[in-house]
Amino acid sequence: MGKTVVTVFMTVLVAGCASMALVMQPVLEATSADMLRAVKHGDMVMVHKLYAAKPALVVATDDNLHTPLHYAGKYGNIQAARFLLDRGGDPNAPDIAKDAPLHEAAYYGHPAIAQLLLEQGADIHQIGNNGKSVLHLAVLGGRYKCAKVALKAGAKLDVVDNAKESPLHYAAKGGHAKIARLLTAQGAEVMQLDGMGHTALHLAALNGHTKVVEVVLDAGTPVDVGVKDIGDTALMEAAYKGFPEIVKLVLARGADPAHIGNNGKTALHLSAAVGHLEITRMLVAAGAPVEARSRLDTTPLGNAVAGGHVEIAEFLRDHGAKQ
């Protein structure tokens, strides 16, 4: 009986050790991918186990040089962010595109993690991919709270990326009116030009963002400011792109319907050429000259006929235009 008990005991012991070895093996052979996966999925039990097995995983990277802190910033794992920072995680580590964990937190909308990273030494002025600042990325992602965190930390309002676009330009293109109002209230330069000579007003008009147009006009942008070296105004951009609400707004704010822009064209030339009947009617009602001639000697009526826009051509003839 005693021999049998010992045999059984030894069998159970060996099986138990083998089972424990299987359980422990993934941790003992911990890799960067394991740590990044655990942070991504919020598995703090595994994060602790991996760190215990291999502390160096705190600063491990994937092929794109993303650290566990980058993953914490991207996926909103504040527990992991605290754990990693307390154990030597670098808040300013750049990935292959030069983005730091703070850039990730700002773009993906995790203000608490952004604040934590800043408190632990993250550089608010660090420039990332394509010259983007932390504030650029907060605005690009439409993250109002992250933009506020960045501004409170001293982010520069008028910093430009590689395309010479400021955070306000990003807000204008993306239609982020609340952020645009925040930036202008803090003193963002509304007349700053991007690499193509556009102000935020032009970009908002080109992209159909009526509320942003209103914000930048309220902040002091002249309604008839022209694109650098071209002269096209917000009215002309909206007329060409087909945004009647913006046309209505800028006309109400005093936009000149007779303004001459690129190649001597007016807003009416543009709306007639591309077939925007409603906008054509609005412009004529506002006093746009129906017989205006461009430098190429074209008229709004001629543009409408060339484009096959019969209703617009008839409308313009009814209001005095001649072929």
Protein backbone atom coordinates (compact mmCIF):
# COMPACT_ATOMS: atom_id res chain seq x y z
CA MET A 1 0.00 0.00 0.00
CA GLY A 2 2.79 2.41 0.96
CA LYS A 3 4.62 1.80 -2.30
CA THR A 4 1.43 2.45 -4.26
CA VAL A 5 0.81 5.75 -2.43
CA VAL A 6 4.34 6.93 -3.15
CA THR A 7 3.97 6.03 -6.80
CA VAL A 8 0.71 7.91 -7.10
CA PHE A 9 2.17 10.90 -5.26
CA MET A 10 5.17 11.04 -7.59
CA THR A 11 2.96 10.77 -10.66
CA VAL A 12 0.79 13.69 -9.50
CA LEU A 13 3.88 15.74 -8.61
CA VAL A 14 5.48 15.22 -12.02
CA ALA A 15 2.22 16.02 -13.80
CA GLY A 16 1.78 19.15 -11.71
CA CYS A 17 5.29 20.36 -12.47
CA ALA A 18 4.78 19.72 -16.16
CA SER A 19 1.48 21.62 -16.07
CA MET A 20 3.08 24.55 -14.25
CA ALA A 21 5.89 24.60 -16.77
CA LEU A 22 3.36 24.89 -19.57
CA VAL A 23 1.63 27.76 -17.77
CA MET A 24 4.86 29.59 -17.04
CA GLN A 25 6.51 29.02 -20.41
CA PRO A 26 4.88 31.93 -22.26
CA VAL A 27 5.92 34.31 -19.51
CA LEU A 28 9.45 32.97 -19.23
CA GLU A 29 9.78 33.32 -22.99
CA ALA A 30 8.10 36.74 -22.98
CA THR A 31 8.49 38.85 -26.12
CA SER A 32 7.83 42.44 -27.12
CA ALA A 33 4.72 41.28 -28.94
CA ASP A 34 3.38 39.72 -25.73
CA MET A 35 3.77 42.97 -23.79
CA LEU A 36 2.29 45.11 -26.55
CA ARG A 37 -0.66 42.76 -26.89
CA ALA A 38 -1.30 42.79 -23.15
CA VAL A 39 -1.24 46.59 -23.03
CA LYS A 40 -3.50 46.85 -26.08
CA HIS A 41 -6.12 44.58 -24.56
CA GLY A 42 -5.88 46.01 -21.04
CA ASP A 43 -4.64 42.74 -19.54
CA MET A 44 -2.85 44.12 -16.50
CA VAL A 45 -2.38 40.69 -14.94
CA MET A 46 -0.32 39.69 -17.95
CA VAL A 47 1.51 43.03 -17.99
CA HIS A 48 2.65 42.39 -14.41
CA LYS A 49 3.67 38.80 -15.20
CA LEU A 50 5.63 39.83 -18.26
CA TYR A 51 7.42 42.58 -16.39
CA ALA A 52 8.32 40.17 -13.58
CA ALA A 53 9.77 37.74 -16.10
CA LYS A 54 11.58 40.35 -18.18
CA PRO A 55 11.71 43.97 -16.89
CA ALA A 56 13.29 45.18 -20.13
CA LEU A 57 9.94 44.74 -21.86
CA VAL A 58 8.94 48.14 -20.45
CA VAL A 59 10.94 49.73 -23.29
CA ALA A 60 10.52 46.97 -25.87
CA THR A 61 9.44 47.94 -29.39
CA ASP A 62 7.75 46.46 -32.41
CA ASP A 63 9.03 46.82 -35.97
CA ASN A 64 7.74 50.40 -36.10
CA LEU A 65 9.46 51.30 -32.82
CA HIS A 66 6.16 51.51 -30.94
CA THR A 67 6.78 51.00 -27.23
CA PRO A 68 4.24 49.74 -24.70
CA LEU A 69 3.67 53.41 -23.79
CA HIS A 70 2.71 54.15 -27.39
CA TYR A 71 0.13 51.36 -27.14
CA ALA A 72 -1.14 52.67 -23.81
CA GLY A 73 -1.57 56.12 -25.37
CA LYS A 74 -3.29 54.77 -28.46
CA TYR A 75 -5.65 52.33 -26.78
CA GLY A 76 -6.41 54.37 -23.66
CA ASN A 77 -4.89 52.04 -21.05
CA ILE A 78 -4.11 54.48 -18.24
CA GLN A 79 -3.29 51.72 -15.75
CA ALA A 80 -0.63 50.41 -18.08
CA ALA A 81 0.64 53.93 -18.71
CA ARG A 82 1.15 54.51 -14.96
CA PHE A 83 2.76 51.10 -14.51
CA LEU A 84 5.17 51.62 -17.40
CA LEU A 85 6.10 55.18 -16.45
CA ASP A 86 6.81 54.10 -12.87
CA ARG A 87 9.23 51.47 -14.20
CA GLY A 88 11.24 53.51 -16.65
CA GLY A 89 9.01 53.88 -19.69
CA ASP A 90 10.13 56.82 -21.83
CA PRO A 91 7.32 59.33 -22.45
CA ASN A 92 9.32 60.93 -25.28
CA ALA A 93 10.35 57.77 -27.16
CA PRO A 94 9.82 58.38 -30.90
CA ASP A 95 8.46 55.65 -33.14
CA ILE A 96 9.67 55.17 -36.70
CA ALA A 97 7.52 58.13 -37.82
CA LYS A 98 8.84 60.29 -34.94
CA ASP A 99 5.55 60.22 -33.00
CA ALA A 100 5.81 59.90 -29.21
CA PRO A 101 3.25 58.35 -26.82
CA LEU A 102 1.81 61.83 -26.23
CA HIS A 103 1.06 62.18 -29.95
CA GLU A 104 -0.85 58.90 -29.83
CA ALA A 105 -2.88 59.90 -26.78
CA ALA A 106 -3.73 63.28 -28.34
CA TYR A 107 -4.83 61.87 -31.70
CA TYR A 108 -6.85 58.97 -30.31
CA GLY A 109 -8.55 61.11 -27.68
CA HIS A 110 -7.26 60.09 -24.26
CA PRO A 111 -6.84 63.36 -22.30
CA ALA A 112 -6.16 61.68 -18.94
CA ILE A 113 -3.25 59.75 -20.42
CA ALA A 114 -2.00 62.89 -22.19
CA GLN A 115 -2.05 64.72 -18.85
CA LEU A 116 -0.26 61.85 -17.12
CA LEU A 117 2.47 61.75 -19.77
CA LEU A 118 2.98 65.50 -19.46
CA GLU A 119 3.25 65.22 -15.69
CA GLN A 120 5.89 62.53 -16.17
CA GLY A 121 8.08 64.58 -18.50
CA ALA A 122 6.53 64.32 -21.96
CA ASP A 123 7.64 67.22 -24.19
CA ILE A 124 4.65 69.21 -25.40
CA HIS A 125 6.82 70.72 -28.16
CA GLN A 126 8.04 67.41 -29.58
CA ILE A 127 7.47 67.27 -33.34
CA GLY A 128 6.22 64.05 -34.89
CA ASN A 129 5.32 62.65 -38.30
CA ASN A 130 5.40 65.21 -41.14
CA GLY A 131 6.15 68.01 -38.72
CA LYS A 132 2.97 67.63 -36.69
CA SER A 133 2.88 68.82 -33.09
CA VAL A 134 0.81 67.31 -30.29
CA LEU A 135 -1.75 70.08 -30.83
CA HIS A 136 -1.91 69.32 -34.56
CA LEU A 137 -2.79 65.72 -33.79
CA ALA A 138 -5.39 66.58 -31.17
CA VAL A 139 -7.09 68.86 -33.71
CA LEU A 140 -6.69 66.37 -36.56
CA GLY A 141 -8.50 63.76 -34.48
CA GLY A 142 -11.18 66.26 -33.46
CA ARG A 143 -10.23 65.81 -29.80
CA TYR A 144 -11.37 68.96 -28.01
CA LYS A 145 -10.34 67.84 -24.52
CA CYS A 146 -6.90 66.80 -25.70
CA ALA A 147 -6.48 70.16 -27.45
CA LYS A 148 -7.30 71.87 -24.15
CA VAL A 149 -4.74 69.73 -22.32
CA ALA A 150 -2.11 70.60 -24.94
CA LEU A 151 -2.84 74.32 -24.78
CA LYS A 152 -2.74 74.32 -20.98
CA ALA A 153 0.67 72.66 -21.19
CA GLY A 154 1.98 75.46 -23.40
CA ALA A 155 1.49 74.13 -26.92
CA LYS A 156 2.27 76.72 -29.59
CA LEU A 157 -0.87 77.92 -31.35
CA ASP A 158 0.67 78.82 -34.69
CA VAL A 159 3.23 76.02 -35.11
CA VAL A 160 3.17 74.67 -38.68
CA ASP A 161 3.72 71.21 -40.10
CA ASN A 162 5.74 70.36 -43.22
CA ALA A 163 2.92 71.71 -45.41
CA LYS A 164 2.90 74.98 -43.44
CA GLU A 165 -0.47 74.17 -41.93
CA SER A 166 -1.28 75.30 -38.39
CA PRO A 167 -3.68 73.65 -35.93
CA LEU A 168 -6.30 76.22 -36.96
CA HIS A 169 -5.91 75.15 -40.59
CA TYR A 170 -6.52 71.57 -39.46
CA ALA A 171 -9.66 72.62 -37.61
CA ALA A 172 -10.90 74.49 -40.69
CA LYS A 173 -10.33 71.54 -43.04
CA GLY A 174 -11.80 69.04 -40.62
CA GLY A 175 -14.86 71.06 -39.67
CA HIS A 176 -14.01 71.16 -35.98
CA ALA A 177 -15.81 74.39 -35.12
CA LYS A 178 -15.60 73.99 -31.34
CA ILE A 179 -11.86 73.51 -31.52
CA ALA A 180 -11.52 76.39 -33.98
CA ARG A 181 -13.30 78.65 -31.51
CA LEU A 182 -11.01 77.43 -28.73
CA LEU A 183 -7.92 78.20 -30.82
CA THR A 184 -9.08 81.64 -31.93
CA ALA A 185 -10.10 82.52 -28.37
CA GLN A 186 -6.53 81.67 -27.32
CA GLY A 187 -5.14 83.97 -30.01
CA ALA A 188 -4.51 81.76 -33.05
CA GLU A 189 -3.56 83.85 -36.10
CA VAL A 190 -6.52 83.77 -38.47
CA MET A 191 -4.54 85.33 -41.32
CA GLN A 192 -1.79 82.71 -41.26
CA LEU A 193 -1.30 81.14 -44.69
CA ASP A 194 -0.72 77.49 -45.47
CA GLY A 195 1.69 76.36 -48.16
CA MET A 196 -0.88 77.05 -50.88
CA GLY A 197 -1.67 80.56 -49.69
CA HIS A 198 -4.96 79.71 -47.97
CA THR A 199 -6.22 81.12 -44.71
CA ALA A 200 -8.41 79.08 -42.39
CA LEU A 201 -11.42 80.87 -43.94
CA HIS A 202 -10.53 79.59 -47.41
CA LEU A 203 -10.03 76.04 -46.15
CA ALA A 204 -13.34 76.04 -44.29
CA ALA A 205 -15.15 77.36 -47.39
CA LEU A 206 -13.47 74.84 -49.69
CA ASN A 207 -14.51 71.97 -47.46
CA GLY A 208 -18.04 73.11 -46.77
CA HIS A 209 -17.74 73.82 -43.06
CA THR A 210 -20.19 76.66 -42.46
CA LYS A 211 -19.73 76.80 -38.68
CA VAL A 212 -15.97 77.15 -38.99
CA VAL A 213 -16.45 79.92 -41.56
CA GLU A 214 -18.55 81.71 -38.97
CA VAL A 215 -15.94 81.17 -36.26
CA VAL A 216 -13.02 82.61 -38.23
CA LEU A 217 -15.10 85.54 -39.47
CA ASP A 218 -16.07 86.27 -35.86
CA ALA A 219 -12.36 86.16 -35.00
CA GLY A 220 -11.60 88.95 -37.45
CA THR A 221 -10.84 87.39 -40.83
CA PRO A 222 -11.75 89.86 -43.61
CA VAL A 223 -14.57 88.30 -45.59
CA ASP A 224 -13.01 89.18 -48.96
CA VAL A 225 -9.44 88.12 -48.23
CA GLY A 226 -8.06 86.40 -51.32
CA VAL A 227 -5.88 83.34 -51.71
CA LYS A 228 -2.27 84.50 -52.05
CA ASP A 229 -1.22 85.20 -55.66
CA ILE A 230 -4.64 84.07 -56.93
CA GLY A 231 -7.18 86.32 -55.28
CA ASP A 232 -10.10 83.91 -54.93
CA THR A 233 -12.26 84.61 -51.89
CA ALA A 234 -14.30 82.37 -49.62
CA LEU A 235 -17.37 83.36 -51.63
CA MET A 236 -15.71 82.18 -54.81
CA GLU A 237 -14.52 78.93 -53.24
CA ALA A 238 -18.00 78.15 -51.95
CA ALA A 239 -19.62 79.12 -55.25
CA TYR A 240 -17.34 76.77 -57.16
CA LYS A 241 -17.62 73.87 -54.72
CA GLY A 242 -21.38 74.21 -54.34
CA PHE A 243 -22.01 75.22 -50.74
CA PRO A 244 -25.04 77.54 -50.71
CA GLU A 245 -25.12 77.93 -46.92
CA ILE A 246 -21.60 79.36 -46.97
CA VAL A 247 -22.47 81.60 -49.92
CA LYS A 248 -25.46 82.90 -47.96
CA LEU A 249 -23.36 83.45 -44.83
CA VAL A 250 -20.49 85.34 -46.44
CA LEU A 251 -22.85 87.49 -48.51
CA ALA A 252 -24.65 88.41 -45.29
CA ARG A 253 -21.26 89.31 -43.82
CA GLY A 254 -20.56 91.70 -46.71
CA ALA A 255 -18.75 89.59 -49.30
CA ASP A 256 -18.44 91.37 -52.65
CA PRO A 257 -20.26 89.39 -55.38
CA ALA A 258 -18.32 91.34 -58.03
CA HIS A 259 -14.87 90.48 -56.62
CA ILE A 260 -12.42 89.50 -59.34
CA GLY A 261 -10.20 86.53 -58.65
CA ASN A 262 -8.04 84.12 -60.61
CA ASN A 263 -7.89 84.95 -64.35
CA GLY A 264 -10.38 87.75 -63.84
CA LYS A 265 -13.26 85.45 -62.93
CA THR A 266 -16.04 86.30 -60.49
CA ALA A 267 -18.02 83.96 -58.26
CA LEU A 268 -20.77 83.99 -60.89
CA HIS A 269 -18.34 82.75 -63.56
CA LEU A 270 -17.54 79.81 -61.31
CA SER A 271 -21.06 78.85 -60.24
CA ALA A 272 -22.31 79.05 -63.84
CA ALA A 273 -19.39 76.98 -65.14
CA VAL A 274 -20.00 74.07 -62.78
CA GLY A 275 -23.79 74.18 -62.81
CA HIS A 276 -24.85 75.42 -59.38
CA LEU A 277 -28.22 77.00 -60.16
CA GLU A 278 -29.20 77.88 -56.59
CA ILE A 279 -25.92 79.68 -55.97
CA THR A 280 -26.14 81.44 -59.34
CA ARG A 281 -29.54 82.80 -58.32
CA MET A 282 -28.17 83.93 -54.95
CA LEU A 283 -25.25 85.76 -56.57
CA VAL A 284 -27.42 87.55 -59.12
CA ALA A 285 -29.83 88.58 -56.35
CA ALA A 286 -26.85 89.98 -54.44
CA GLY A 287 -25.82 92.11 -57.41
CA ALA A 288 -23.23 89.99 -59.21
CA PRO A 289 -22.62 91.47 -62.69
CA VAL A 290 -24.08 89.06 -65.26
CA GLU A 291 -21.99 90.53 -68.09
CA ALA A 292 -18.62 90.33 -66.28
CA ARG A 293 -15.78 89.23 -68.55
CA SER A 294 -12.72 87.31 -67.43
CA ARG A 295 -9.20 87.82 -68.75
CA LEU A 296 -9.96 85.00 -71.16
CA ASP A 297 -12.99 87.01 -72.38
CA THR A 298 -15.49 84.51 -70.98
CA THR A 299 -18.81 85.46 -69.37
CA PRO A 300 -20.98 83.58 -66.86
CA LEU A 301 -23.46 82.89 -69.65
CA GLY A 302 -20.73 81.60 -71.93
CA ASN A 303 -19.51 79.33 -69.15
CA ALA A 304 -23.02 77.99 -68.56
CA VAL A 305 -23.53 77.28 -72.27
CA ALA A 306 -20.12 75.61 -72.58
CA GLY A 307 -20.93 73.41 -69.62
CA GLY A 308 -24.34 72.44 -70.93
CA HIS A 309 -26.17 74.02 -67.99
CA VAL A 310 -29.38 75.01 -69.78
CA GLU A 311 -31.36 76.25 -66.76
CA ILE A 312 -28.53 78.51 -65.67
CA ALA A 313 -28.14 79.89 -69.20
CA GLU A 314 -31.86 80.66 -69.38
CA PHE A 315 -31.79 82.26 -65.94
CA LEU A 316 -28.86 84.50 -66.88
CA ARG A 317 -30.54 85.55 -70.16
CA ASP A 318 -33.67 86.38 -68.22
CA HIS A 319 -31.53 88.69 -66.10
CA GLY A 320 -29.92 90.55 -68.95
CA ALA A 321 -27.00 88.39 -69.99
CA LYS A 322 -26.21 88.27 -73.70
CA GLN A 323 -24.27 85.55 -75.53
